[in-house]
Amino acid sequence: MAKRAKKNLEEYEDVRVAATSRIWGIAVGMLAICIPLSAVTRSGPLLPLATIAGAAVGTAAVWRSDDKKSKTHSLAQQKVELLEQRIANLETIVSSDDFDLRMKIKQLESSDRKTDY
């Protein structure tokens, strides 16, 4: 059952669409059960309306929460890119300083060799 559900979720590119289809699929199943029950118990349209309201609230929550996540995700992605650029700049600075230091050491070694003879 879990593998089938995972496969069904992978069919959609957007997770919100997958969650919405799952919510409404379950809601339709619940309606299929509670409509005949409400007719037998003469409780009125309370159960079907509660089912529809619950599915609607769940759908709204899925779509609103993902909007908030996408905004924070894009900000986090921008921060990561900025940090990567800064690290690349630091690597460039360190490698050029390291190269200059190696050249100075070679010059000192060569000058030491000349003075030893």
N, C-alpha and C. Protein backbone atom coordinates (compact mmCIF):
# COMPACT_ATOMS: atom_id res chain seq x y z
N MET A 1 0.83 -1.19 0.00
CA MET A 1 0.00 0.00 0.00
C MET A 1 0.87 1.25 0.00
N ALA A 2 1.94 1.25 0.82
CA ALA A 2 2.80 2.43 0.90
C ALA A 2 3.56 2.63 -0.41
N LYS A 3 3.96 1.55 -1.05
CA LYS A 3 4.67 1.67 -2.33
C LYS A 3 3.75 2.26 -3.39
N ARG A 4 2.49 1.82 -3.39
CA ARG A 4 1.54 2.34 -4.36
C ARG A 4 1.28 3.82 -4.13
N ALA A 5 1.16 4.20 -2.88
CA ALA A 5 0.94 5.62 -2.56
C ALA A 5 2.14 6.46 -2.97
N LYS A 6 3.33 5.94 -2.75
CA LYS A 6 4.54 6.67 -3.14
C LYS A 6 4.62 6.80 -4.65
N LYS A 7 4.26 5.74 -5.35
CA LYS A 7 4.26 5.78 -6.81
C LYS A 7 3.25 6.80 -7.32
N ASN A 8 2.07 6.85 -6.70
CA ASN A 8 1.06 7.81 -7.11
C ASN A 8 1.53 9.24 -6.87
N LEU A 9 2.25 9.47 -5.78
CA LEU A 9 2.75 10.82 -5.49
C LEU A 9 3.85 11.22 -6.46
N GLU A 10 4.62 10.24 -6.95
CA GLU A 10 5.71 10.55 -7.87
C GLU A 10 5.20 10.91 -9.25
N GLU A 11 3.95 10.58 -9.57
CA GLU A 11 3.41 10.90 -10.88
C GLU A 11 3.25 12.40 -11.08
N TYR A 12 3.09 13.14 -9.99
CA TYR A 12 2.86 14.57 -10.07
C TYR A 12 4.18 15.31 -9.87
N GLU A 13 4.35 16.38 -10.64
CA GLU A 13 5.55 17.19 -10.48
C GLU A 13 5.45 18.08 -9.24
N ASP A 14 4.26 18.54 -8.95
CA ASP A 14 4.03 19.43 -7.82
C ASP A 14 3.46 18.62 -6.66
N VAL A 15 4.07 18.73 -5.51
CA VAL A 15 3.62 17.98 -4.33
C VAL A 15 2.24 18.44 -3.90
N ARG A 16 1.94 19.71 -4.12
CA ARG A 16 0.64 20.23 -3.72
C ARG A 16 -0.49 19.55 -4.49
N VAL A 17 -0.25 19.30 -5.77
CA VAL A 17 -1.27 18.63 -6.58
C VAL A 17 -1.47 17.20 -6.08
N ALA A 18 -0.38 16.53 -5.76
CA ALA A 18 -0.48 15.16 -5.25
C ALA A 18 -1.24 15.12 -3.92
N ALA A 19 -0.91 16.05 -3.03
CA ALA A 19 -1.60 16.08 -1.73
C ALA A 19 -3.07 16.42 -1.90
N THR A 20 -3.37 17.35 -2.79
CA THR A 20 -4.76 17.72 -3.02
C THR A 20 -5.56 16.55 -3.59
N SER A 21 -4.97 15.83 -4.53
CA SER A 21 -5.70 14.68 -5.10
C SER A 21 -5.90 13.60 -4.05
N ARG A 22 -4.93 13.44 -3.16
CA ARG A 22 -5.07 12.45 -2.09
C ARG A 22 -6.17 12.87 -1.12
N ILE A 23 -6.19 14.14 -0.75
CA ILE A 23 -7.22 14.65 0.18
C ILE A 23 -8.61 14.45 -0.40
N TRP A 24 -8.79 14.84 -1.65
CA TRP A 24 -10.13 14.75 -2.24
C TRP A 24 -10.50 13.31 -2.59
N GLY A 25 -9.52 12.47 -2.86
CA GLY A 25 -9.83 11.06 -3.07
C GLY A 25 -10.37 10.41 -1.81
N ILE A 26 -9.75 10.73 -0.69
CA ILE A 26 -10.24 10.22 0.60
C ILE A 26 -11.58 10.83 0.95
N ALA A 27 -11.75 12.12 0.64
CA ALA A 27 -13.03 12.79 0.93
C ALA A 27 -14.17 12.16 0.14
N VAL A 28 -13.92 11.79 -1.11
CA VAL A 28 -14.97 11.15 -1.91
C VAL A 28 -15.34 9.80 -1.30
N GLY A 29 -14.32 9.07 -0.85
CA GLY A 29 -14.60 7.80 -0.18
C GLY A 29 -15.41 7.99 1.09
N MET A 30 -15.08 9.02 1.83
CA MET A 30 -15.84 9.31 3.06
C MET A 30 -17.26 9.72 2.74
N LEU A 31 -17.43 10.48 1.67
CA LEU A 31 -18.78 10.87 1.26
C LEU A 31 -19.60 9.66 0.84
N ALA A 32 -18.93 8.71 0.18
CA ALA A 32 -19.64 7.50 -0.24
C ALA A 32 -20.15 6.71 0.96
N ILE A 33 -19.44 6.84 2.07
CA ILE A 33 -19.87 6.15 3.29
C ILE A 33 -20.89 6.97 4.07
N CYS A 34 -20.63 8.27 4.23
CA CYS A 34 -21.47 9.05 5.14
C CYS A 34 -22.80 9.51 4.55
N ILE A 35 -22.93 9.58 3.23
CA ILE A 35 -24.23 9.97 2.65
C ILE A 35 -25.29 8.90 2.93
N PRO A 36 -24.99 7.62 2.65
CA PRO A 36 -26.00 6.62 3.03
C PRO A 36 -26.22 6.53 4.54
N LEU A 37 -25.15 6.73 5.32
CA LEU A 37 -25.30 6.70 6.77
C LEU A 37 -26.20 7.83 7.27
N SER A 38 -26.05 9.00 6.70
CA SER A 38 -26.87 10.12 7.14
C SER A 38 -28.33 9.91 6.73
N ALA A 39 -28.57 9.21 5.62
CA ALA A 39 -29.94 8.92 5.22
C ALA A 39 -30.56 7.89 6.16
N VAL A 40 -29.78 6.90 6.58
CA VAL A 40 -30.29 5.85 7.47
C VAL A 40 -30.53 6.40 8.86
N THR A 41 -29.60 7.19 9.36
CA THR A 41 -29.71 7.71 10.72
C THR A 41 -30.55 8.98 10.80
N ARG A 42 -30.90 9.52 9.67
CA ARG A 42 -31.68 10.76 9.59
C ARG A 42 -31.01 11.91 10.35
N SER A 43 -29.69 11.96 10.23
CA SER A 43 -28.94 13.02 10.91
C SER A 43 -28.82 14.28 10.06
N GLY A 44 -29.27 14.24 8.85
CA GLY A 44 -29.21 15.41 8.00
C GLY A 44 -27.88 15.48 7.27
N PRO A 45 -27.62 16.62 6.69
CA PRO A 45 -26.41 16.76 5.88
C PRO A 45 -25.16 17.12 6.70
N LEU A 46 -25.18 16.88 7.99
CA LEU A 46 -24.06 17.29 8.83
C LEU A 46 -22.77 16.56 8.46
N LEU A 47 -22.81 15.24 8.37
CA LEU A 47 -21.60 14.48 8.06
C LEU A 47 -21.04 14.79 6.67
N PRO A 48 -21.84 14.82 5.62
CA PRO A 48 -21.29 15.18 4.30
C PRO A 48 -20.72 16.59 4.26
N LEU A 49 -21.40 17.52 4.90
CA LEU A 49 -20.87 18.89 4.92
C LEU A 49 -19.57 18.98 5.71
N ALA A 50 -19.48 18.24 6.80
CA ALA A 50 -18.24 18.23 7.58
C ALA A 50 -17.10 17.63 6.77
N THR A 51 -17.40 16.60 5.99
CA THR A 51 -16.39 15.97 5.14
C THR A 51 -15.89 16.94 4.08
N ILE A 52 -16.82 17.61 3.42
CA ILE A 52 -16.43 18.58 2.39
C ILE A 52 -15.66 19.75 3.00
N ALA A 53 -16.11 20.23 4.15
CA ALA A 53 -15.41 21.35 4.81
C ALA A 53 -14.00 20.93 5.22
N GLY A 54 -13.87 19.72 5.74
CA GLY A 54 -12.54 19.24 6.14
C GLY A 54 -11.59 19.11 4.96
N ALA A 55 -12.10 18.61 3.84
CA ALA A 55 -11.26 18.50 2.64
C ALA A 55 -10.87 19.88 2.11
N ALA A 56 -11.81 20.82 2.17
CA ALA A 56 -11.51 22.17 1.69
C ALA A 56 -10.47 22.84 2.58
N VAL A 57 -10.61 22.69 3.87
CA VAL A 57 -9.62 23.29 4.80
C VAL A 57 -8.26 22.63 4.61
N GLY A 58 -8.26 21.32 4.46
CA GLY A 58 -6.99 20.62 4.24
C GLY A 58 -6.31 21.06 2.96
N THR A 59 -7.09 21.23 1.91
CA THR A 59 -6.53 21.69 0.63
C THR A 59 -5.96 23.10 0.76
N ALA A 60 -6.69 23.97 1.41
CA ALA A 60 -6.20 25.34 1.61
C ALA A 60 -4.92 25.34 2.43
N ALA A 61 -4.85 24.50 3.44
CA ALA A 61 -3.65 24.44 4.28
C ALA A 61 -2.45 23.95 3.47
N VAL A 62 -2.66 22.97 2.62
CA VAL A 62 -1.56 22.44 1.80
C VAL A 62 -1.03 23.52 0.87
N TRP A 63 -1.91 24.22 0.20
CA TRP A 63 -1.47 25.21 -0.77
C TRP A 63 -0.87 26.44 -0.10
N ARG A 64 -1.37 26.84 1.05
CA ARG A 64 -0.81 28.01 1.75
C ARG A 64 0.53 27.69 2.39
N SER A 65 0.66 26.51 2.98
CA SER A 65 1.91 26.17 3.65
C SER A 65 3.04 26.03 2.65
N ASP A 66 2.76 25.51 1.46
CA ASP A 66 3.80 25.33 0.46
C ASP A 66 4.26 26.68 -0.09
N ASP A 67 3.37 27.67 -0.16
CA ASP A 67 3.78 29.00 -0.60
C ASP A 67 4.79 29.59 0.37
N LYS A 68 4.56 29.42 1.66
CA LYS A 68 5.48 29.93 2.67
C LYS A 68 6.82 29.22 2.58
N LYS A 69 6.78 27.90 2.37
CA LYS A 69 8.01 27.13 2.27
C LYS A 69 8.81 27.53 1.04
N SER A 70 8.13 27.78 -0.08
CA SER A 70 8.85 28.12 -1.30
C SER A 70 9.53 29.48 -1.16
N LYS A 71 8.88 30.42 -0.44
CA LYS A 71 9.51 31.73 -0.23
C LYS A 71 10.75 31.58 0.64
N THR A 72 10.66 30.83 1.73
CA THR A 72 11.82 30.66 2.60
C THR A 72 12.88 29.82 1.90
N HIS A 73 12.45 28.88 1.06
CA HIS A 73 13.42 28.06 0.33
C HIS A 73 14.21 28.91 -0.65
N SER A 74 13.53 29.84 -1.35
CA SER A 74 14.25 30.68 -2.30
C SER A 74 15.22 31.61 -1.58
N LEU A 75 14.83 32.11 -0.41
CA LEU A 75 15.76 32.94 0.37
C LEU A 75 16.96 32.12 0.84
N ALA A 76 16.70 30.91 1.28
CA ALA A 76 17.79 30.05 1.71
C ALA A 76 18.70 29.72 0.54
N GLN A 77 18.14 29.49 -0.63
CA GLN A 77 18.93 29.18 -1.82
C GLN A 77 19.81 30.38 -2.19
N GLN A 78 19.28 31.59 -2.08
CA GLN A 78 20.07 32.78 -2.37
C GLN A 78 21.22 32.92 -1.39
N LYS A 79 20.97 32.61 -0.12
CA LYS A 79 22.03 32.69 0.88
C LYS A 79 23.12 31.66 0.61
N VAL A 80 22.73 30.48 0.20
CA VAL A 80 23.70 29.44 -0.12
C VAL A 80 24.55 29.86 -1.30
N GLU A 81 23.92 30.42 -2.34
CA GLU A 81 24.67 30.87 -3.50
C GLU A 81 25.63 31.99 -3.13
N LEU A 82 25.21 32.91 -2.27
CA LEU A 82 26.07 33.99 -1.83
C LEU A 82 27.27 33.45 -1.06
N LEU A 83 27.01 32.48 -0.17
CA LEU A 83 28.11 31.88 0.58
C LEU A 83 29.07 31.13 -0.33
N GLU A 84 28.56 30.45 -1.35
CA GLU A 84 29.43 29.75 -2.30
C GLU A 84 30.31 30.74 -3.06
N GLN A 85 29.75 31.88 -3.43
CA GLN A 85 30.54 32.90 -4.12
C GLN A 85 31.63 33.45 -3.20
N ARG A 86 31.28 33.67 -1.95
CA ARG A 86 32.27 34.19 -1.00
C ARG A 86 33.38 33.18 -0.76
N ILE A 87 33.02 31.91 -0.67
CA ILE A 87 34.04 30.87 -0.47
C ILE A 87 34.96 30.79 -1.69
N ALA A 88 34.38 30.90 -2.88
CA ALA A 88 35.20 30.88 -4.10
C ALA A 88 36.16 32.07 -4.11
N ASN A 89 35.68 33.24 -3.69
CA ASN A 89 36.56 34.41 -3.62
C ASN A 89 37.68 34.19 -2.61
N LEU A 90 37.34 33.63 -1.45
CA LEU A 90 38.36 33.37 -0.44
C LEU A 90 39.38 32.35 -0.94
N GLU A 91 38.92 31.34 -1.64
CA GLU A 91 39.85 30.35 -2.19
C GLU A 91 40.80 30.99 -3.19
N THR A 92 40.28 31.90 -3.99
CA THR A 92 41.12 32.61 -4.95
C THR A 92 42.17 33.45 -4.24
N ILE A 93 41.75 34.15 -3.21
CA ILE A 93 42.68 35.00 -2.45
C ILE A 93 43.74 34.14 -1.78
N VAL A 94 43.34 33.07 -1.15
CA VAL A 94 44.28 32.21 -0.44
C VAL A 94 45.24 31.55 -1.41
N SER A 95 44.75 31.09 -2.54
CA SER A 95 45.64 30.42 -3.49
C SER A 95 46.63 31.40 -4.09
N SER A 96 46.22 32.65 -4.35
CA SER A 96 47.17 33.62 -4.89
C SER A 96 48.19 34.01 -3.83
N ASP A 97 47.76 34.17 -2.58
CA ASP A 97 48.70 34.47 -1.50
C ASP A 97 49.65 33.30 -1.28
N ASP A 98 49.14 32.10 -1.39
CA ASP A 98 49.95 30.90 -1.24
C ASP A 98 51.00 30.84 -2.35
N PHE A 99 50.61 31.19 -3.56
CA PHE A 99 51.55 31.21 -4.68
C PHE A 99 52.64 32.25 -4.45
N ASP A 100 52.24 33.44 -4.00
CA ASP A 100 53.23 34.50 -3.71
C ASP A 100 54.18 34.04 -2.62
N LEU A 101 53.66 33.39 -1.60
CA LEU A 101 54.50 32.91 -0.51
C LEU A 101 55.48 31.86 -1.00
N ARG A 102 55.06 30.97 -1.84
CA ARG A 102 55.95 29.95 -2.40
C ARG A 102 57.05 30.57 -3.24
N MET A 103 56.70 31.58 -4.01
CA MET A 103 57.71 32.27 -4.83
C MET A 103 58.75 32.96 -3.94
N LYS A 104 58.32 33.57 -2.86
CA LYS A 104 59.25 34.22 -1.94
C LYS A 104 60.16 33.20 -1.27
N ILE A 105 59.59 32.07 -0.89
CA ILE A 105 60.40 31.01 -0.27
C ILE A 105 61.43 30.50 -1.26
N LYS A 106 61.05 30.30 -2.52
CA LYS A 106 62.00 29.83 -3.53
C LYS A 106 63.10 30.85 -3.74
N GLN A 107 62.71 32.13 -3.76
CA GLN A 107 63.72 33.17 -3.92
C GLN A 107 64.69 33.16 -2.75
N LEU A 108 64.16 32.99 -1.53
CA LEU A 108 65.03 32.95 -0.36
C LEU A 108 65.94 31.72 -0.40
N GLU A 109 65.39 30.58 -0.81
CA GLU A 109 66.20 29.36 -0.90
C GLU A 109 67.30 29.52 -1.94
N SER A 110 66.94 30.12 -3.07
CA SER A 110 67.95 30.29 -4.11
C SER A 110 69.02 31.30 -3.69
N SER A 111 68.61 32.34 -2.98
CA SER A 111 69.59 33.31 -2.49
C SER A 111 70.46 32.70 -1.39
N ASP A 112 69.90 31.81 -0.57
CA ASP A 112 70.68 31.12 0.46
C ASP A 112 71.69 30.18 -0.18
N ARG A 113 71.35 29.52 -1.23
CA ARG A 113 72.26 28.62 -1.93
C ARG A 113 73.40 29.40 -2.55
N LYS A 114 73.09 30.57 -3.08
CA LYS A 114 74.13 31.40 -3.71
C LYS A 114 75.11 31.90 -2.65
N THR A 115 74.62 32.23 -1.47
CA THR A 115 75.51 32.75 -0.44
C THR A 115 76.31 31.64 0.22
N ASP A 116 75.81 30.38 0.17
CA ASP A 116 76.54 29.26 0.76
C ASP A 116 77.77 28.93 -0.06
N TYR A 117 77.81 29.18 -1.33
CA TYR A 117 78.95 28.81 -2.17
C TYR A 117 79.93 29.88 -2.13
